[in-house]
């Protein structure tokens, strides 16, 4: 049974967290994500609230929640990008 940890909300993004986001978003073209806040559930689950800039005219996304999971060998995996506004 998985143990639930308390969520931590941080408005300051560390270099390690920026690197996790960068690796997870590698290969996504046309979107630029600037992390504003991170919500962590231990050292495994990261929810980044990001300002989004897009080079695609039709895509009307200004803010997004990016869900990243870090698993074996510190390999970040992008699980979802959710439009907030």
N, C-alpha and C. Protein backbone atom coordinates (compact mmCIF):
# COMPACT_ATOMS: atom_id res chain seq x y z
N UNK A 1 0.84 -1.17 0.00
CA UNK A 1 0.00 0.00 0.00
C UNK A 1 0.89 1.24 0.00
N UNK A 2 0.56 2.18 -0.87
CA UNK A 2 1.36 3.39 -1.01
C UNK A 2 1.08 4.35 0.13
N UNK A 3 2.15 4.89 0.69
CA UNK A 3 2.02 5.85 1.78
C UNK A 3 1.81 7.25 1.19
N UNK A 4 0.82 7.98 1.71
CA UNK A 4 0.55 9.32 1.23
C UNK A 4 1.35 10.32 2.04
N UNK A 5 2.01 11.22 1.35
CA UNK A 5 2.80 12.25 2.01
C UNK A 5 2.06 13.57 1.91
N UNK A 6 2.40 14.47 2.81
CA UNK A 6 1.78 15.79 2.80
C UNK A 6 2.30 16.60 1.62
N UNK A 7 1.42 17.35 0.99
CA UNK A 7 1.81 18.19 -0.14
C UNK A 7 2.56 19.41 0.34
N UNK A 8 3.62 19.77 -0.39
CA UNK A 8 4.40 20.97 -0.10
C UNK A 8 4.22 21.95 -1.25
N UNK A 9 3.85 23.19 -0.93
CA UNK A 9 3.70 24.22 -1.95
C UNK A 9 4.87 25.19 -1.81
N UNK A 10 5.58 25.42 -2.91
CA UNK A 10 6.73 26.32 -2.89
C UNK A 10 6.62 27.32 -4.03
N UNK A 11 6.81 28.59 -3.72
CA UNK A 11 6.78 29.61 -4.77
C UNK A 11 8.16 29.84 -5.36
N UNK A 12 9.20 29.35 -4.68
CA UNK A 12 10.56 29.43 -5.20
C UNK A 12 10.91 28.09 -5.84
N UNK A 13 11.30 28.14 -7.10
CA UNK A 13 11.64 26.93 -7.85
C UNK A 13 13.15 26.74 -7.80
N UNK A 14 13.61 25.57 -7.34
CA UNK A 14 15.05 25.30 -7.26
C UNK A 14 15.58 24.91 -8.64
N UNK A 15 16.89 24.93 -8.78
CA UNK A 15 17.53 24.52 -10.04
C UNK A 15 17.22 23.05 -10.35
N UNK A 16 17.19 22.21 -9.31
CA UNK A 16 16.86 20.80 -9.50
C UNK A 16 15.45 20.64 -10.07
N UNK A 17 14.50 21.40 -9.54
CA UNK A 17 13.12 21.32 -10.01
C UNK A 17 12.99 21.85 -11.44
N UNK A 18 13.73 22.93 -11.76
CA UNK A 18 13.73 23.45 -13.13
C UNK A 18 14.27 22.41 -14.09
N UNK A 19 15.30 21.69 -13.67
CA UNK A 19 15.90 20.65 -14.51
C UNK A 19 14.92 19.49 -14.71
N UNK A 20 14.20 19.12 -13.66
CA UNK A 20 13.19 18.06 -13.77
C UNK A 20 12.13 18.44 -14.80
N UNK A 21 11.65 19.69 -14.73
CA UNK A 21 10.65 20.17 -15.68
C UNK A 21 11.21 20.20 -17.10
N UNK A 22 12.43 20.67 -17.24
CA UNK A 22 13.06 20.76 -18.57
C UNK A 22 13.19 19.39 -19.22
N UNK A 23 13.64 18.41 -18.46
CA UNK A 23 13.80 17.05 -18.99
C UNK A 23 12.44 16.45 -19.36
N UNK A 24 11.44 16.66 -18.50
CA UNK A 24 10.11 16.11 -18.75
C UNK A 24 9.47 16.72 -20.00
N UNK A 25 9.74 17.99 -20.27
CA UNK A 25 9.13 18.68 -21.41
C UNK A 25 9.96 18.59 -22.68
N UNK A 26 11.08 17.90 -22.61
CA UNK A 26 11.95 17.77 -23.78
C UNK A 26 11.19 17.14 -24.94
N UNK A 27 11.25 17.77 -26.09
CA UNK A 27 10.57 17.24 -27.27
C UNK A 27 9.24 17.91 -27.55
N UNK A 28 8.74 18.74 -26.64
CA UNK A 28 7.50 19.48 -26.89
C UNK A 28 7.88 20.79 -27.57
N UNK A 29 7.42 20.96 -28.79
CA UNK A 29 7.75 22.14 -29.58
C UNK A 29 6.56 23.09 -29.66
N UNK A 30 6.85 24.38 -29.78
CA UNK A 30 5.80 25.38 -29.95
C UNK A 30 5.27 25.95 -28.66
N UNK A 31 5.69 25.41 -27.53
CA UNK A 31 5.25 25.89 -26.22
C UNK A 31 6.46 26.17 -25.35
N UNK A 32 6.39 27.26 -24.60
CA UNK A 32 7.45 27.61 -23.65
C UNK A 32 6.82 27.71 -22.27
N UNK A 33 7.36 26.97 -21.30
CA UNK A 33 6.80 26.92 -19.95
C UNK A 33 7.73 27.63 -18.97
N UNK A 34 7.17 28.58 -18.22
CA UNK A 34 7.91 29.28 -17.18
C UNK A 34 7.28 28.91 -15.84
N UNK A 35 7.97 28.11 -15.01
CA UNK A 35 7.38 27.67 -13.73
C UNK A 35 7.24 28.83 -12.74
N UNK A 36 6.06 28.93 -12.13
CA UNK A 36 5.79 29.97 -11.13
C UNK A 36 5.72 29.38 -9.72
N UNK A 37 5.15 28.19 -9.62
CA UNK A 37 4.95 27.51 -8.33
C UNK A 37 5.10 26.01 -8.55
N UNK A 38 5.56 25.33 -7.52
CA UNK A 38 5.61 23.87 -7.59
C UNK A 38 4.94 23.30 -6.35
N UNK A 39 4.15 22.25 -6.56
CA UNK A 39 3.52 21.51 -5.47
C UNK A 39 4.13 20.12 -5.52
N UNK A 40 4.73 19.69 -4.40
CA UNK A 40 5.42 18.40 -4.36
C UNK A 40 4.72 17.44 -3.41
N UNK A 41 4.74 16.18 -3.80
CA UNK A 41 4.26 15.09 -2.96
C UNK A 41 5.46 14.18 -2.75
N UNK A 42 6.28 14.52 -1.76
CA UNK A 42 7.52 13.78 -1.55
C UNK A 42 8.52 14.13 -2.64
N UNK A 43 9.34 13.18 -3.03
CA UNK A 43 10.35 13.40 -4.07
C UNK A 43 9.95 12.74 -5.38
N UNK A 44 8.69 12.31 -5.49
CA UNK A 44 8.26 11.57 -6.66
C UNK A 44 7.32 12.35 -7.56
N UNK A 45 6.33 13.02 -7.00
CA UNK A 45 5.31 13.73 -7.78
C UNK A 45 5.52 15.23 -7.70
N UNK A 46 5.52 15.87 -8.87
CA UNK A 46 5.68 17.32 -8.97
C UNK A 46 4.54 17.88 -9.82
N UNK A 47 3.88 18.92 -9.32
CA UNK A 47 2.86 19.64 -10.07
C UNK A 47 3.38 21.06 -10.24
N UNK A 48 3.73 21.43 -11.45
CA UNK A 48 4.24 22.76 -11.73
C UNK A 48 3.11 23.63 -12.27
N UNK A 49 2.92 24.82 -11.69
CA UNK A 49 2.02 25.81 -12.25
C UNK A 49 2.90 26.73 -13.09
N UNK A 50 2.61 26.79 -14.38
CA UNK A 50 3.49 27.48 -15.32
C UNK A 50 2.75 28.54 -16.13
N UNK A 51 3.48 29.60 -16.44
CA UNK A 51 3.03 30.56 -17.44
C UNK A 51 3.44 29.96 -18.78
N UNK A 52 2.54 30.02 -19.75
CA UNK A 52 2.81 29.38 -21.04
C UNK A 52 2.85 30.44 -22.14
N UNK A 53 3.88 30.36 -22.96
CA UNK A 53 3.96 31.17 -24.17
C UNK A 53 3.94 30.20 -25.33
N UNK A 54 3.18 30.56 -26.36
CA UNK A 54 3.01 29.66 -27.49
C UNK A 54 3.33 30.34 -28.80
N UNK A 55 3.86 29.58 -29.73
CA UNK A 55 4.10 30.08 -31.08
C UNK A 55 3.01 29.60 -32.03
N UNK A 56 2.01 28.93 -31.48
CA UNK A 56 0.88 28.42 -32.27
C UNK A 56 -0.30 29.36 -32.05
N UNK A 57 -0.76 30.01 -33.10
CA UNK A 57 -1.81 31.03 -32.98
C UNK A 57 -3.11 30.51 -32.37
N UNK A 58 -3.55 29.34 -32.79
CA UNK A 58 -4.85 28.82 -32.37
C UNK A 58 -4.87 28.36 -30.91
N UNK A 59 -3.72 28.11 -30.35
CA UNK A 59 -3.65 27.59 -28.99
C UNK A 59 -3.74 28.73 -27.99
N UNK A 60 -4.84 28.82 -27.28
CA UNK A 60 -5.08 29.89 -26.32
C UNK A 60 -4.80 29.39 -24.90
N UNK A 61 -3.55 29.20 -24.57
CA UNK A 61 -3.18 28.73 -23.24
C UNK A 61 -2.21 29.73 -22.62
N UNK A 62 -2.59 30.29 -21.46
CA UNK A 62 -1.72 31.25 -20.78
C UNK A 62 -1.11 30.65 -19.52
N UNK A 63 -1.86 29.77 -18.86
CA UNK A 63 -1.40 29.11 -17.64
C UNK A 63 -1.69 27.62 -17.77
N UNK A 64 -0.81 26.81 -17.19
CA UNK A 64 -0.99 25.37 -17.26
C UNK A 64 -0.46 24.70 -15.99
N UNK A 65 -1.04 23.53 -15.69
CA UNK A 65 -0.53 22.68 -14.62
C UNK A 65 0.16 21.50 -15.30
N UNK A 66 1.43 21.31 -14.97
CA UNK A 66 2.23 20.24 -15.58
C UNK A 66 2.52 19.21 -14.49
N UNK A 67 2.10 17.97 -14.73
CA UNK A 67 2.28 16.89 -13.76
C UNK A 67 3.43 16.01 -14.22
N UNK A 68 4.46 15.91 -13.36
CA UNK A 68 5.67 15.14 -13.66
C UNK A 68 5.90 14.14 -12.53
N UNK A 69 6.27 12.93 -12.90
CA UNK A 69 6.63 11.91 -11.90
C UNK A 69 8.08 11.51 -12.12
N UNK A 70 8.84 11.50 -11.03
CA UNK A 70 10.24 11.07 -11.08
C UNK A 70 10.29 9.67 -10.48
N UNK A 71 10.73 8.72 -11.32
CA UNK A 71 10.77 7.34 -10.85
C UNK A 71 12.19 6.83 -10.84
N UNK A 72 12.36 5.63 -11.25
CA UNK A 72 13.65 4.96 -11.20
C UNK A 72 14.75 5.77 -11.88
N UNK A 73 15.90 5.77 -11.26
CA UNK A 73 17.10 6.44 -11.76
C UNK A 73 16.90 7.93 -12.00
N UNK A 74 16.06 8.58 -11.20
CA UNK A 74 15.81 10.01 -11.32
C UNK A 74 15.43 10.42 -12.73
N UNK A 75 14.58 9.63 -13.37
CA UNK A 75 14.15 9.90 -14.74
C UNK A 75 12.76 10.53 -14.73
N UNK A 76 12.65 11.87 -14.94
CA UNK A 76 11.35 12.53 -14.93
C UNK A 76 10.49 12.11 -16.13
N UNK A 77 9.21 11.88 -15.87
CA UNK A 77 8.28 11.48 -16.92
C UNK A 77 7.08 12.42 -16.89
N UNK A 78 6.77 13.03 -18.04
CA UNK A 78 5.62 13.92 -18.16
C UNK A 78 4.35 13.08 -18.18
N UNK A 79 3.43 13.35 -17.24
CA UNK A 79 2.18 12.60 -17.19
C UNK A 79 1.01 13.39 -17.76
N UNK A 80 1.00 14.72 -17.55
CA UNK A 80 -0.09 15.51 -18.12
C UNK A 80 0.24 16.99 -18.15
N UNK A 81 -0.42 17.67 -19.09
CA UNK A 81 -0.41 19.13 -19.15
C UNK A 81 -1.87 19.55 -19.19
N UNK A 82 -2.30 20.33 -18.20
CA UNK A 82 -3.69 20.74 -18.09
C UNK A 82 -3.79 22.25 -18.21
N UNK A 83 -4.65 22.71 -19.10
CA UNK A 83 -4.86 24.14 -19.30
C UNK A 83 -5.59 24.73 -18.10
N UNK A 84 -5.05 25.82 -17.54
CA UNK A 84 -5.71 26.50 -16.43
C UNK A 84 -6.41 27.78 -16.90
N UNK A 85 -5.83 28.45 -17.88
CA UNK A 85 -6.48 29.64 -18.47
C UNK A 85 -5.92 29.92 -19.83
